[in-house]
Protein backbone atom coordinates (compact mmCIF):
# COMPACT_ATOMS: atom_id res chain seq x y z
CA UNK A 1 138.22 2.11 52.72
CA UNK A 2 134.94 0.20 53.48
CA UNK A 3 132.52 2.33 55.64
CA UNK A 4 131.89 -0.72 57.91
CA UNK A 5 131.10 1.76 60.79
CA UNK A 6 127.62 2.57 59.16
CA UNK A 7 126.54 -0.76 60.21
CA UNK A 8 123.66 -1.26 62.68
CA UNK A 9 124.43 -3.12 66.06
CA UNK A 10 121.73 -4.26 68.76
CA UNK A 11 123.03 -4.67 72.10
CA UNK A 12 121.09 -6.90 74.40
CA UNK A 13 121.96 -7.22 78.24
CA UNK A 14 119.73 -7.03 81.37
CA UNK A 15 122.50 -5.17 83.27
CA UNK A 16 121.91 -1.32 82.51
CA UNK A 17 125.38 -0.47 83.27
CA UNK A 18 126.90 -3.21 81.14
CA UNK A 19 124.54 -2.62 78.31
CA UNK A 20 125.10 1.18 78.21
CA UNK A 21 128.96 0.47 78.41
CA UNK A 22 129.02 -1.77 75.39
CA UNK A 23 126.69 0.59 73.44
CA UNK A 24 128.95 3.50 74.05
CA UNK A 25 132.19 1.77 72.88
CA UNK A 26 130.33 0.80 69.82
CA UNK A 27 128.76 4.15 69.13
CA UNK A 28 132.19 5.89 69.49
CA UNK A 29 133.56 4.28 66.38
CA UNK A 30 130.44 5.38 64.26
CA UNK A 31 128.30 2.20 64.48
CA UNK A 32 124.52 2.83 64.68
CA UNK A 33 123.61 1.35 68.08
CA UNK A 34 120.15 0.29 69.59
CA UNK A 35 119.85 -1.39 73.12
CA UNK A 36 117.46 -3.83 74.55
CA UNK A 37 117.02 -4.75 78.21
CA UNK A 38 116.07 -8.36 77.62
CA UNK A 39 115.57 -10.94 74.81
CA UNK A 40 111.76 -10.34 74.46
CA UNK A 41 112.29 -6.61 73.76
CA UNK A 42 115.40 -7.57 71.43
CA UNK A 43 113.04 -9.45 69.23
CA UNK A 44 110.89 -6.57 68.74
CA UNK A 45 113.58 -4.15 68.11
CA UNK A 46 115.08 -6.51 65.54
CA UNK A 47 112.09 -6.68 63.47
CA UNK A 48 112.24 -2.70 62.90
CA UNK A 49 116.04 -2.14 63.52
CA UNK A 50 117.27 -4.89 61.19
CA UNK A 51 120.69 -5.37 62.83
CA UNK A 52 123.85 -6.67 61.09
CA UNK A 53 125.08 -7.77 64.32
CA UNK A 54 123.48 -8.60 67.81
CA UNK A 55 125.81 -8.56 70.61
CA UNK A 56 123.96 -10.06 73.59
CA UNK A 57 124.56 -11.28 77.24
CA UNK A 58 124.25 -15.18 77.47
CA UNK A 59 122.52 -15.22 80.81
CA UNK A 60 119.42 -13.43 81.05
CA UNK A 61 116.16 -14.03 82.88
CA UNK A 62 113.17 -15.35 80.80
CA UNK A 63 115.03 -16.16 77.46
CA UNK A 64 118.84 -16.45 77.34
CA UNK A 65 121.07 -15.58 74.52
CA UNK A 66 121.05 -18.97 72.97
CA UNK A 67 117.21 -18.78 72.59
CA UNK A 68 117.40 -15.25 71.24
CA UNK A 69 119.97 -16.33 68.79
CA UNK A 70 117.89 -19.34 67.74
CA UNK A 71 114.94 -17.37 67.11
CA UNK A 72 116.50 -14.58 65.18
CA UNK A 73 118.54 -17.11 63.12
CA UNK A 74 115.14 -18.28 62.00
CA UNK A 75 114.22 -15.02 60.25
CA UNK A 76 114.69 -14.35 56.74
CA UNK A 77 117.74 -12.15 57.05
CA UNK A 78 119.58 -13.14 60.29
CA UNK A 79 122.24 -11.06 61.87
CA UNK A 80 125.71 -12.26 63.09
CA UNK A 81 125.89 -12.88 66.98
CA UNK A 82 128.52 -12.11 69.41
CA UNK A 83 127.73 -13.47 72.79
CA UNK A 84 128.88 -11.98 76.13
CA UNK A 85 129.20 -14.02 79.26
CA UNK A 86 130.90 -14.41 82.57
CA UNK A 87 131.06 -18.03 82.25
CA UNK A 88 134.62 -18.72 81.43
CA UNK A 89 134.79 -22.23 79.95
CA UNK A 90 135.47 -24.02 76.88
CA UNK A 91 132.14 -26.18 76.81
CA UNK A 92 130.14 -22.93 76.43
CA UNK A 93 132.18 -21.87 73.69
CA UNK A 94 131.75 -25.18 71.72
CA UNK A 95 127.93 -24.89 72.31
CA UNK A 96 127.89 -21.35 70.99
CA UNK A 97 129.69 -22.50 67.64
CA UNK A 98 127.03 -25.34 67.22
CA UNK A 99 124.37 -23.02 67.79
CA UNK A 100 125.70 -20.41 65.22
CA UNK A 101 127.28 -17.78 67.05
CA UNK A 102 129.88 -15.69 65.13
CA UNK A 103 132.07 -15.03 68.24
CA UNK A 104 132.27 -14.88 71.85
CA UNK A 105 133.76 -12.76 74.51
CA UNK A 106 133.93 -13.24 78.29
CA UNK A 107 133.27 -10.52 80.75
CA UNK A 108 134.37 -7.92 81.74
CA UNK A 109 134.63 -6.89 78.18
CA UNK A 110 137.38 -4.66 76.90
CA UNK A 111 136.87 -2.07 74.39
CA UNK A 112 139.63 -3.13 71.68
CA UNK A 113 138.61 -6.74 71.31
CA UNK A 114 134.89 -5.80 71.22
CA UNK A 115 135.33 -3.32 68.56
CA UNK A 116 137.65 -5.74 66.41
CA UNK A 117 135.22 -8.50 66.86
CA UNK A 118 132.23 -6.59 65.89
CA UNK A 119 133.97 -4.96 62.83
CA UNK A 120 135.13 -8.55 61.62
CA UNK A 121 131.50 -9.58 61.59
CA UNK A 122 130.34 -6.69 59.82
CA UNK A 123 133.08 -7.25 57.18
CA UNK A 124 132.32 -10.98 57.02
CA UNK A 125 128.52 -10.16 56.41
CA UNK A 126 129.34 -7.42 53.86
CA UNK A 127 131.35 -10.08 51.93
CA UNK A 128 128.63 -12.66 52.20
CA UNK A 129 126.14 -10.12 50.90
CA UNK A 130 128.26 -9.26 47.98
CA UNK A 131 128.85 -12.92 47.21
CA UNK A 132 125.01 -13.64 47.12
CA UNK A 133 124.36 -10.69 44.90
CA UNK A 134 127.05 -11.98 42.57
CA UNK A 135 125.59 -15.47 42.49
CA UNK A 136 122.06 -14.48 42.28
CA UNK A 137 122.22 -11.49 39.94
CA UNK A 138 125.43 -11.55 37.74
CA UNK A 139 124.33 -8.15 36.34
CA UNK A 140 125.35 -6.64 39.65
CA UNK A 141 129.01 -6.81 38.37
CA UNK A 142 128.39 -3.77 36.41
CA UNK A 143 130.42 -4.73 33.24
CA UNK A 144 130.55 -1.09 31.75
CA UNK A 145 132.89 -0.44 28.60
CA UNK A 146 134.29 -4.04 29.17
CA UNK A 147 135.56 -3.24 32.52
CA UNK A 148 134.04 -4.51 36.14
CA UNK A 149 133.55 -2.22 38.88
CA UNK A 150 130.95 -0.11 40.63
CA UNK A 151 133.35 1.96 42.95
CA UNK A 152 133.67 5.70 43.13
CA UNK A 153 137.05 5.85 40.99
CA UNK A 154 135.66 3.53 38.38
CA UNK A 155 132.57 5.65 38.14
CA UNK A 156 134.95 8.44 37.40
CA UNK A 157 136.74 6.43 34.72
CA UNK A 158 133.53 5.49 33.09
CA UNK A 159 132.42 9.24 33.06
CA UNK A 160 135.62 10.20 31.50
CA UNK A 161 135.22 7.43 28.51
CA UNK A 162 132.03 8.69 27.70
CA UNK A 163 133.22 12.37 27.50
CA UNK A 164 136.42 11.75 25.67
CA UNK A 165 135.14 8.95 23.20
CA UNK A 166 133.23 11.36 20.63
CA UNK A 167 136.26 13.75 20.26
CA UNK A 168 139.31 13.63 17.84
CA UNK A 169 141.67 14.60 20.56
CA UNK A 170 144.60 12.41 21.61
CA UNK A 171 144.47 10.75 24.92
CA UNK A 172 147.02 9.80 27.47
CA UNK A 173 146.19 7.03 29.74
CA UNK A 174 148.51 6.82 32.79
CA UNK A 175 148.59 4.28 35.80
CA UNK A 176 150.45 1.26 37.23
CA UNK A 177 151.09 -1.75 35.13
CA UNK A 178 148.03 -4.05 35.09
CA UNK A 179 145.29 -1.56 35.89
CA UNK A 180 143.27 -1.99 32.58
CA UNK A 181 144.96 0.94 30.57
CA UNK A 182 144.21 -1.03 27.20
CA UNK A 183 140.60 -1.83 28.13
CA UNK A 184 140.08 2.06 28.53
CA UNK A 185 141.56 2.57 25.14
CA UNK A 186 139.43 -0.07 23.59
CA UNK A 187 136.54 1.35 25.29
CA UNK A 188 137.25 5.07 23.85
CA UNK A 189 137.49 3.54 20.47
CA UNK A 190 134.36 1.46 20.70
CA UNK A 191 132.25 4.57 21.77
CA UNK A 192 133.82 6.77 19.24
CA UNK A 193 132.62 7.64 15.82
CA UNK A 194 135.57 5.63 14.57
CA UNK A 195 134.11 2.41 16.04
CA UNK A 196 133.64 0.98 12.55
CA UNK A 197 137.11 1.51 11.91
CA UNK A 198 140.38 -0.50 12.96
CA UNK A 199 141.83 -0.57 16.52
CA UNK A 200 145.46 -1.27 16.24
CA UNK A 201 147.66 -1.96 19.32
CA UNK A 202 151.36 -1.51 19.38
CA UNK A 203 153.41 -2.51 22.67
CA UNK A 204 156.17 -0.03 22.23
CA UNK A 205 158.48 -1.68 25.00
CA UNK A 206 158.42 -4.99 23.04
CA UNK A 207 160.39 -3.94 20.08
CA UNK A 208 164.00 -2.48 19.54
CA UNK A 209 164.15 0.89 18.20
CA UNK A 210 164.77 -0.18 14.36
CA UNK A 211 162.00 -2.43 14.37
CA UNK A 212 159.70 -0.23 16.25
CA UNK A 213 160.20 2.38 13.64
CA UNK A 214 159.31 0.00 10.72
CA UNK A 215 156.43 -1.43 12.73
CA UNK A 216 155.00 2.08 13.23
CA UNK A 217 155.69 3.71 9.75
CA UNK A 218 156.18 0.83 7.52
CA UNK A 219 159.42 0.53 5.14
CA UNK A 220 160.28 0.74 1.56
CA UNK A 221 161.90 -2.28 -0.35
CA UNK A 222 165.66 -2.26 0.31
CA UNK A 223 165.28 0.19 3.22
CA UNK A 224 167.49 -2.29 5.35
CA UNK A 225 168.86 -5.72 5.19
CA UNK A 226 166.13 -8.14 4.87
CA UNK A 227 163.50 -5.51 3.61
CA UNK A 228 162.77 -7.51 0.44
CA UNK A 229 159.36 -5.61 -0.06
CA UNK A 230 157.48 -2.68 0.65
CA UNK A 231 155.50 -2.91 3.94
CA UNK A 232 152.71 -0.74 5.47
CA UNK A 233 153.02 -0.03 9.01
CA UNK A 234 150.59 0.32 11.89
CA UNK A 235 149.67 3.84 10.98
CA UNK A 236 148.57 2.96 7.60
CA UNK A 237 146.78 -0.24 9.11
CA UNK A 238 144.91 2.17 11.61
CA UNK A 239 143.63 4.50 8.80
CA UNK A 240 139.91 5.83 9.53
CA UNK A 241 140.42 4.21 13.24
CA UNK A 242 142.61 4.35 16.22
CA UNK A 243 146.28 3.54 17.22
CA UNK A 244 146.95 2.67 20.64
CA UNK A 245 150.57 3.22 21.51
CA UNK A 246 151.10 1.07 24.93
CA UNK A 247 154.15 1.93 27.11
CA UNK A 248 154.85 5.31 25.18
CA UNK A 249 157.41 6.27 27.69
CA UNK A 250 159.82 3.43 26.35
CA UNK A 251 160.23 4.90 22.62
CA UNK A 252 163.45 6.56 21.78
CA UNK A 253 164.07 10.18 21.16
CA UNK A 254 164.43 9.80 17.27
CA UNK A 255 160.96 8.05 16.96
CA UNK A 256 159.61 10.81 19.29
CA UNK A 257 160.49 13.13 16.75
CA UNK A 258 158.60 11.23 14.05
CA UNK A 259 155.64 10.65 16.18
CA UNK A 260 155.53 14.43 16.96
CA UNK A 261 155.63 15.31 13.31
CA UNK A 262 152.57 13.14 12.52
CA UNK A 263 150.42 14.61 15.55
CA UNK A 264 151.30 18.08 14.05
CA UNK A 265 151.09 17.53 10.41
CA UNK A 266 149.06 14.32 10.17
CA UNK A 267 151.73 12.75 7.96
CA UNK A 268 154.84 10.46 8.08
CA UNK A 269 157.22 8.81 5.85
CA UNK A 270 158.22 5.06 5.62
CA UNK A 271 161.56 4.08 6.62
CA UNK A 272 163.80 4.49 3.48
CA UNK A 273 161.08 6.41 1.74
CA UNK A 274 160.84 10.26 1.03
CA UNK A 275 157.19 10.60 -0.03
CA UNK A 276 154.84 11.82 2.68
CA UNK A 277 152.10 9.30 3.78
CA UNK A 278 148.78 10.82 5.04
CA UNK A 279 146.16 8.87 7.21
CA UNK A 280 143.28 9.69 9.35
CA UNK A 281 144.37 8.10 12.76
CA UNK A 282 143.62 9.11 16.35
CA UNK A 283 146.32 8.52 18.76
CA UNK A 284 145.82 6.89 22.26
CA UNK A 285 148.87 6.53 24.46
CA UNK A 286 149.47 4.82 27.57
CA UNK A 287 152.23 4.53 30.08
CA UNK A 288 153.00 3.62 33.80
CA UNK A 289 156.22 6.07 33.71
CA UNK A 290 156.20 9.45 35.05
CA UNK A 291 156.26 11.51 31.81
CA UNK A 292 156.73 14.79 33.43
CA UNK A 293 159.84 13.54 35.29
CA UNK A 294 161.12 12.12 32.01
CA UNK A 295 160.56 15.64 30.50
CA UNK A 296 162.40 17.21 33.27
CA UNK A 297 165.34 14.63 32.84
CA UNK A 298 165.13 15.35 28.95
CA UNK A 299 164.50 11.76 28.13
CA UNK A 300 161.02 12.55 26.78
CA UNK A 301 160.37 15.57 24.54
CA UNK A 302 158.22 18.35 26.04
CA UNK A 303 156.47 19.09 23.05
CA UNK A 304 155.43 15.57 22.22
CA UNK A 305 154.18 15.17 25.79
CA UNK A 306 151.89 18.25 25.55
CA UNK A 307 150.61 16.95 22.13
CA UNK A 308 149.80 13.56 23.77
CA UNK A 309 148.42 15.04 26.94
CA UNK A 310 145.31 16.82 25.50
CA UNK A 311 143.21 14.58 27.65
CA UNK A 312 144.52 12.60 30.44
CA UNK A 313 142.84 9.45 32.18
CA UNK A 314 144.63 8.20 35.32
CA UNK A 315 143.67 4.63 36.25
CA UNK A 316 143.43 3.87 39.69
CA UNK A 317 145.25 1.06 41.09
CA UNK A 318 143.13 -1.95 42.65
CA UNK A 319 144.33 -1.28 46.24
CA UNK A 320 142.39 2.10 45.94
CA UNK A 321 138.98 0.36 44.77
CA UNK A 322 138.73 -2.71 47.00
CA UNK A 323 134.98 -2.71 46.61
CA UNK A 324 135.41 -4.05 43.10
CA UNK A 325 137.52 -6.90 44.04
CA UNK A 326 134.79 -9.64 44.80
CA UNK A 327 133.07 -8.83 41.50
CA UNK A 328 136.25 -9.02 39.71
CA UNK A 329 137.61 -12.33 41.51
CA UNK A 330 134.06 -13.74 40.84
CA UNK A 331 134.31 -13.06 37.17
CA UNK A 332 137.77 -14.54 36.82
CA UNK A 333 136.75 -17.57 38.84
CA UNK A 334 134.00 -18.36 36.58
CA UNK A 335 135.84 -18.05 33.44
CA UNK A 336 138.75 -19.88 34.66
CA UNK A 337 136.99 -22.83 35.93
CA UNK A 338 135.27 -23.18 32.52
CA UNK A 339 138.56 -22.96 30.69
CA UNK A 340 140.16 -25.31 32.94
CA UNK A 341 137.21 -27.77 32.98
CA UNK A 342 137.01 -27.65 37.03
CA UNK A 343 133.77 -28.60 38.75
CA UNK A 344 134.21 -25.86 41.53
CA UNK A 345 131.25 -24.32 43.34
CA UNK A 346 132.53 -20.90 44.68
CA UNK A 347 135.05 -18.67 46.18
CA UNK A 348 134.74 -19.08 49.87
CA UNK A 349 134.04 -16.06 52.01
CA UNK A 350 137.31 -16.35 53.84
CA UNK A 351 138.96 -16.37 50.08
CA UNK A 352 137.22 -13.21 49.24
CA UNK A 353 138.07 -11.47 52.54
CA UNK A 354 141.76 -12.48 51.78
CA UNK A 355 141.50 -11.16 48.45
CA UNK A 356 140.02 -7.86 49.43
CA UNK A 357 142.66 -7.33 52.19
CA UNK A 358 145.62 -7.84 49.84
CA UNK A 359 147.24 -4.64 48.50
CA UNK A 360 147.76 -5.96 44.85
CA UNK A 361 150.91 -4.51 43.49
CA UNK A 362 150.38 -6.10 40.29
CA UNK A 363 146.78 -4.84 40.05
CA UNK A 364 144.02 -6.46 38.03
CA UNK A 365 146.35 -8.52 36.16
CA UNK A 366 147.81 -10.00 39.38
CA UNK A 367 144.16 -10.73 40.64
CA UNK A 368 143.34 -12.56 37.39
CA UNK A 369 146.60 -14.73 37.56
CA UNK A 370 145.95 -15.37 41.32
CA UNK A 371 142.24 -16.67 40.73
CA UNK A 372 143.44 -18.95 37.75
CA UNK A 373 146.21 -20.30 39.89
CA UNK A 374 143.85 -20.98 42.75
CA UNK A 375 141.21 -22.66 40.57
CA UNK A 376 144.05 -24.99 39.05
CA UNK A 377 145.45 -25.68 42.63
CA UNK A 378 141.99 -26.11 44.45
CA UNK A 379 141.05 -29.42 45.90
CA UNK A 380 137.40 -28.19 45.86
CA UNK A 381 134.65 -27.94 45.91
CA UNK A 382 135.11 -24.28 46.90
CA UNK A 383 138.46 -22.40 46.39
CA UNK A 384 140.03 -21.71 49.85
CA UNK A 385 142.80 -19.21 51.17
CA UNK A 386 145.16 -22.17 51.02
CA UNK A 387 144.79 -22.48 47.48
CA UNK A 388 145.87 -18.83 46.78
CA UNK A 389 149.52 -18.06 45.86
CA UNK A 390 151.90 -17.91 48.76
CA UNK A 391 152.20 -14.12 48.96
CA UNK A 392 148.38 -13.87 49.64
CA UNK A 393 148.52 -16.68 52.00
CA UNK A 394 151.38 -15.17 54.02
CA UNK A 395 149.59 -11.63 54.19
CA UNK A 396 146.15 -13.33 55.43
CA UNK A 397 147.98 -15.44 57.97
CA UNK A 398 145.91 -15.36 61.09
CA UNK A 399 147.09 -13.28 63.89
CA UNK A 400 146.92 -14.87 67.23
CA UNK A 401 144.95 -13.05 69.87
CA UNK A 402 147.11 -10.49 71.76
CA UNK A 403 145.20 -11.16 74.98
CA UNK A 404 144.22 -14.37 76.82
CA UNK A 405 140.82 -15.09 78.45
CA UNK A 406 139.07 -13.04 79.69
CA UNK A 407 138.67 -11.31 76.36
CA UNK A 408 139.63 -13.95 73.77
CA UNK A 409 137.86 -14.42 70.75
CA UNK A 410 135.47 -17.26 69.91
CA UNK A 411 137.78 -18.18 67.03
CA UNK A 412 140.80 -18.43 69.63
CA UNK A 413 138.56 -20.46 72.07
CA UNK A 414 137.39 -22.89 69.33
CA UNK A 415 140.94 -23.33 68.38
CA UNK A 416 142.03 -24.03 71.83
CA UNK A 417 139.11 -26.64 72.39
CA UNK A 418 139.82 -28.53 69.07
CA UNK A 419 143.63 -28.54 69.43
CA UNK A 420 143.45 -29.62 73.27
CA UNK A 421 140.91 -32.20 72.35
CA UNK A 422 143.10 -33.77 69.70
CA UNK A 423 146.08 -33.57 71.88
CA UNK A 424 144.06 -35.64 74.55
CA UNK A 425 142.94 -37.95 71.91
CA UNK A 426 146.62 -38.50 70.75
CA UNK A 427 145.69 -37.27 67.29
CA UNK A 428 142.80 -39.24 66.57
CA UNK A 429 140.35 -37.12 64.70
CA UNK A 430 137.56 -39.76 65.13
CA UNK A 431 137.98 -39.79 68.90
CA UNK A 432 138.37 -35.77 69.06
CA UNK A 433 135.23 -35.54 66.70
CA UNK A 434 133.12 -37.93 69.02
CA UNK A 435 134.17 -35.79 72.18
CA UNK A 436 133.29 -32.53 70.40
CA UNK A 437 130.13 -33.92 68.79
CA UNK A 438 131.08 -32.95 65.35
CA UNK A 439 132.24 -35.11 62.49
CA UNK A 440 135.80 -36.06 61.63
CA UNK A 441 135.61 -34.16 58.53
CA UNK A 442 135.01 -31.13 60.60
CA UNK A 443 137.92 -31.67 62.66
CA UNK A 444 140.17 -32.31 59.62
CA UNK A 445 138.95 -29.07 58.11
CA UNK A 446 139.55 -27.15 61.22
CA UNK A 447 142.96 -28.62 61.54
CA UNK A 448 143.92 -27.51 58.14
CA UNK A 449 142.63 -24.06 58.96
CA UNK A 450 144.61 -23.65 62.22
CA UNK A 451 147.73 -25.21 61.21
CA UNK A 452 148.35 -24.65 57.35
CA UNK A 453 152.00 -24.79 57.47
CA UNK A 454 152.66 -27.33 60.13
CA UNK A 455 152.50 -31.03 60.39
CA UNK A 456 149.52 -32.35 62.30
CA UNK A 457 151.06 -34.77 64.69
CA UNK A 458 150.43 -34.46 68.31
CA UNK A 459 153.71 -32.55 69.33
CA UNK A 460 152.87 -29.82 66.73
CA UNK A 461 149.08 -29.71 68.01
CA UNK A 462 150.43 -29.10 71.60
CA UNK A 463 152.81 -26.39 70.64
CA UNK A 464 150.11 -24.52 68.48
CA UNK A 465 147.70 -24.84 71.59
CA UNK A 466 150.04 -23.24 73.86
CA UNK A 467 150.97 -20.51 71.44
CA UNK A 468 147.27 -19.87 70.80
CA UNK A 469 146.03 -18.99 74.41
CA UNK A 470 149.22 -18.29 76.39
CA UNK A 471 148.49 -18.57 80.20
CA UNK A 472 145.34 -20.76 79.78
CA UNK A 473 145.63 -23.98 82.47
CA UNK A 474 145.29 -27.28 80.96
CA UNK A 475 141.49 -28.31 81.16
CA UNK A 476 139.44 -31.37 80.70
CA UNK A 477 139.53 -32.09 77.00
CA UNK A 478 135.98 -33.22 76.95
CA UNK A 479 133.80 -30.31 76.66
CA UNK A 480 130.29 -31.54 78.02
């Protein structure tokens, strides 16, 4: 979980009761909150307090919320802004959007939407900060042992690699598919005294039993049909190095016996041979299976399990380290755009937010493929949510507000304003753009954002408008 509640919020309102109520609501969920009785005091507090979000009343004597926002937006590290007002009209919302407000709530303020809006802006600001750090300082990705990640779970993995690498002991790496078990095995080898020797990989689930036995131990000439010459196996190839057995839970009981013999006696025989072969090999095994359960079911030998399980490293699933997702996504994005020859500039903040929120059942491998697909499908210049695979888009599908005005978010009000204006303009983006004083491209972008799965004709716009803000009466479509 991201510790978003550690963020700093400045509440500005000239009404003491309203100011105190908002501050108390935000403080109860863990935000660090300061208050100011007017915009002038807010400017002074902001300089020292450095808030992440400013929640400010719109109508205040001397300096209103719009001017306060303009002044703070001119500072080197401007906060996000949530405006509070008793003025219930779309025109004010449109002006707030133009002036840079992140969101907008109508008084009387309700606790649930207030907390949700502030959390959303803190999260958005955190994502932007991560992206900026990744773009300006690529070293922030912390590529350690060939793996990207600064999260606490990954710190434990790096520490385990550093402790295990110098030893000779066998290592068992567990974890879901796609979590990077092979990278851990490579890191252990690369940081071990055997680094100058070979690192040999065998995917045990990819070969039938007879082929796997020959692949591992080699065979003598004539050992079976087609064995026209003696062949060295992977054990021999890994001499003085490391043998990585991926998906060790898939090997048969007969091969388990031969593997156990090697771990006990450090020798084996080729298929069809009777002369013991000795090699100096360290075994690292990996599996996504539950080996203790397999031992109980007698499908995996208990003695072999304990021989392999001298040291265990359990790889965390990607959903348990969401702080690493932006750095991983940026790494895969840059690599994929070069490999595919795409002139793309960035992953949009909305895309990063969608990637971070997704549970990733396929872990890092699924993330890599999702980014590559998005790079190929992107219409550019940035990779947007609409470019991601359908499961991510469905997971990220925006939820409509649960309440109508008062209490609707700025996004809902903006959506209502754009769609209602388009409806009045009979679907003409140029006319709607002229009314709202924005460019037609902005209208097209917003329409794509609001209605990703619908046609953009007037009837569907009308339906979407009614769905977005239930109970809102028809209004003059020209917010002037």
